[in-house]
Amino acid sequence: LNKDNRTIDHIFPLKIGGLNEPWNCVPMYANYNFSKQGKDMMVWYREQEFFSEERLNKIYEWMWYSFKEWGYYF
């Protein structure tokens, strides 16, 4: 990822009630984010050919770390 090809993705999209909080935001390639749009990240990601259980676990780790670090609730 670099500044020209990345965006911030909301794991739980704002369109379906996700919050604009650190635990819900991760960097993502812009073209992937465009294809995801308002879909649930967990469902969308598992359908992708580049799906990786290891990467999914890193997303979960980020969510729990930021939740505990900054006290945001979901």
C-alpha atoms as a PDB file:
ATOM      1  CA  LEU A   1       0.000   0.000   0.000  1.00  0.00           C
ATOM      2  CA  ASN A   2       1.084   3.544  -0.645  1.00  0.00           C
ATOM      3  CA  LYS A   3      -0.565   6.959  -0.573  1.00  0.00           C
ATOM      4  CA  ASP A   4      -1.628   6.642  -4.219  1.00  0.00           C
ATOM      5  CA  ASN A   5      -3.462   3.312  -3.974  1.00  0.00           C
ATOM      6  CA  ARG A   6      -4.859   3.132  -0.451  1.00  0.00           C
ATOM      7  CA  THR A   7      -8.042   4.197   1.269  1.00  0.00           C
ATOM      8  CA  ILE A   8      -9.475   3.694   4.713  1.00  0.00           C
ATOM      9  CA  ASP A   9     -12.042   0.920   4.881  1.00  0.00           C
ATOM     10  CA  HIS A  10     -14.718   0.674   7.528  1.00  0.00           C
ATOM     11  CA  ILE A  11     -14.826  -2.975   8.586  1.00  0.00           C
ATOM     12  CA  PHE A  12     -18.496  -2.519   9.447  1.00  0.00           C
ATOM     13  CA  PRO A  13     -19.656  -0.072   6.748  1.00  0.00           C
ATOM     14  CA  LEU A  14     -21.100   3.261   7.817  1.00  0.00           C
ATOM     15  CA  LYS A  15     -24.063   2.506   5.523  1.00  0.00           C
ATOM     16  CA  ILE A  16     -25.108  -0.392   7.756  1.00  0.00           C
ATOM     17  CA  GLY A  17     -24.464   1.271  11.099  1.00  0.00           C
ATOM     18  CA  GLY A  18     -20.691   0.932  11.462  1.00  0.00           C
ATOM     19  CA  LEU A  19     -18.950   3.630  13.442  1.00  0.00           C
ATOM     20  CA  ASN A  20     -16.154   5.963  12.431  1.00  0.00           C
ATOM     21  CA  GLU A  21     -13.903   4.720  15.257  1.00  0.00           C
ATOM     22  CA  PRO A  22     -10.287   3.440  15.135  1.00  0.00           C
ATOM     23  CA  TRP A  23     -11.293  -0.189  15.764  1.00  0.00           C
ATOM     24  CA  ASN A  24     -13.520  -0.073  12.668  1.00  0.00           C
ATOM     25  CA  CYS A  25     -10.956   1.431  10.270  1.00  0.00           C
ATOM     26  CA  VAL A  26      -8.205  -0.352   8.347  1.00  0.00           C
ATOM     27  CA  PRO A  27      -6.106   0.584   5.308  1.00  0.00           C
ATOM     28  CA  MET A  28      -7.177  -1.101   2.076  1.00  0.00           C
ATOM     29  CA  TYR A  29      -6.288  -0.965  -1.601  1.00  0.00           C
ATOM     30  CA  ALA A  30      -8.648   1.561  -3.162  1.00  0.00           C
ATOM     31  CA  ASN A  31      -9.824  -0.807  -5.901  1.00  0.00           C
ATOM     32  CA  TYR A  32     -10.702  -3.487  -3.312  1.00  0.00           C
ATOM     33  CA  ASN A  33     -12.551  -0.956  -1.200  1.00  0.00           C
ATOM     34  CA  PHE A  34     -14.483   0.147  -4.271  1.00  0.00           C
ATOM     35  CA  SER A  35     -15.550  -3.451  -4.962  1.00  0.00           C
ATOM     36  CA  LYS A  36     -16.512  -4.002  -1.316  1.00  0.00           C
ATOM     37  CA  GLN A  37     -18.643  -0.856  -1.053  1.00  0.00           C
ATOM     38  CA  GLY A  38     -21.283  -1.359   1.674  1.00  0.00           C
ATOM     39  CA  LYS A  39     -20.863  -5.118   2.002  1.00  0.00           C
ATOM     40  CA  ASP A  40     -20.029  -6.824   5.263  1.00  0.00           C
ATOM     41  CA  MET A  41     -16.234  -7.134   5.318  1.00  0.00           C
ATOM     42  CA  MET A  42     -16.159 -10.658   6.744  1.00  0.00           C
ATOM     43  CA  VAL A  43     -18.478 -11.994   4.026  1.00  0.00           C
ATOM     44  CA  TRP A  44     -16.834  -9.994   1.222  1.00  0.00           C
ATOM     45  CA  TYR A  45     -13.260 -10.879   2.219  1.00  0.00           C
ATOM     46  CA  ARG A  46     -13.895 -14.623   2.432  1.00  0.00           C
ATOM     47  CA  GLU A  47     -15.177 -14.534  -1.178  1.00  0.00           C
ATOM     48  CA  GLN A  48     -11.948 -12.991  -2.525  1.00  0.00           C
ATOM     49  CA  GLU A  49      -9.241 -15.092  -4.205  1.00  0.00           C
ATOM     50  CA  PHE A  50      -6.632 -13.339  -2.062  1.00  0.00           C
ATOM     51  CA  PHE A  51      -8.394 -14.292   1.195  1.00  0.00           C
ATOM     52  CA  SER A  52      -5.991 -15.246   3.955  1.00  0.00           C
ATOM     53  CA  GLU A  53      -6.929 -16.496   7.407  1.00  0.00           C
ATOM     54  CA  GLU A  54      -3.671 -14.951   8.662  1.00  0.00           C
ATOM     55  CA  ARG A  55      -4.635 -11.486   7.364  1.00  0.00           C
ATOM     56  CA  LEU A  56      -8.138 -11.855   8.744  1.00  0.00           C
ATOM     57  CA  ASN A  57      -6.648 -12.616  12.149  1.00  0.00           C
ATOM     58  CA  LYS A  58      -4.540  -9.444  11.887  1.00  0.00           C
ATOM     59  CA  ILE A  59      -7.704  -7.446  11.278  1.00  0.00           C
ATOM     60  CA  TYR A  60      -9.298  -9.024  14.354  1.00  0.00           C
ATOM     61  CA  GLU A  61      -6.124  -8.307  16.366  1.00  0.00           C
ATOM     62  CA  TRP A  62      -6.258  -4.645  15.310  1.00  0.00           C
ATOM     63  CA  MET A  63      -9.911  -4.387  16.295  1.00  0.00           C
ATOM     64  CA  TRP A  64      -9.289  -5.798  19.799  1.00  0.00           C
ATOM     65  CA  TYR A  65      -6.058  -3.856  20.311  1.00  0.00           C
ATOM     66  CA  SER A  66      -7.622  -0.510  19.409  1.00  0.00           C
ATOM     67  CA  PHE A  67     -10.763  -1.319  21.399  1.00  0.00           C
ATOM     68  CA  LYS A  68      -8.694  -2.002  24.527  1.00  0.00           C
ATOM     69  CA  GLU A  69      -6.220   0.831  23.906  1.00  0.00           C
ATOM     70  CA  TRP A  70      -8.715   3.629  23.355  1.00  0.00           C
ATOM     71  CA  GLY A  71     -11.807   2.281  25.080  1.00  0.00           C
ATOM     72  CA  TYR A  72     -14.182   2.392  22.134  1.00  0.00           C
ATOM     73  CA  TYR A  73     -17.190   0.168  22.420  1.00  0.00           C
ATOM     74  CA  PHE A  74     -19.061  -1.851  19.842  1.00  0.00           C
END
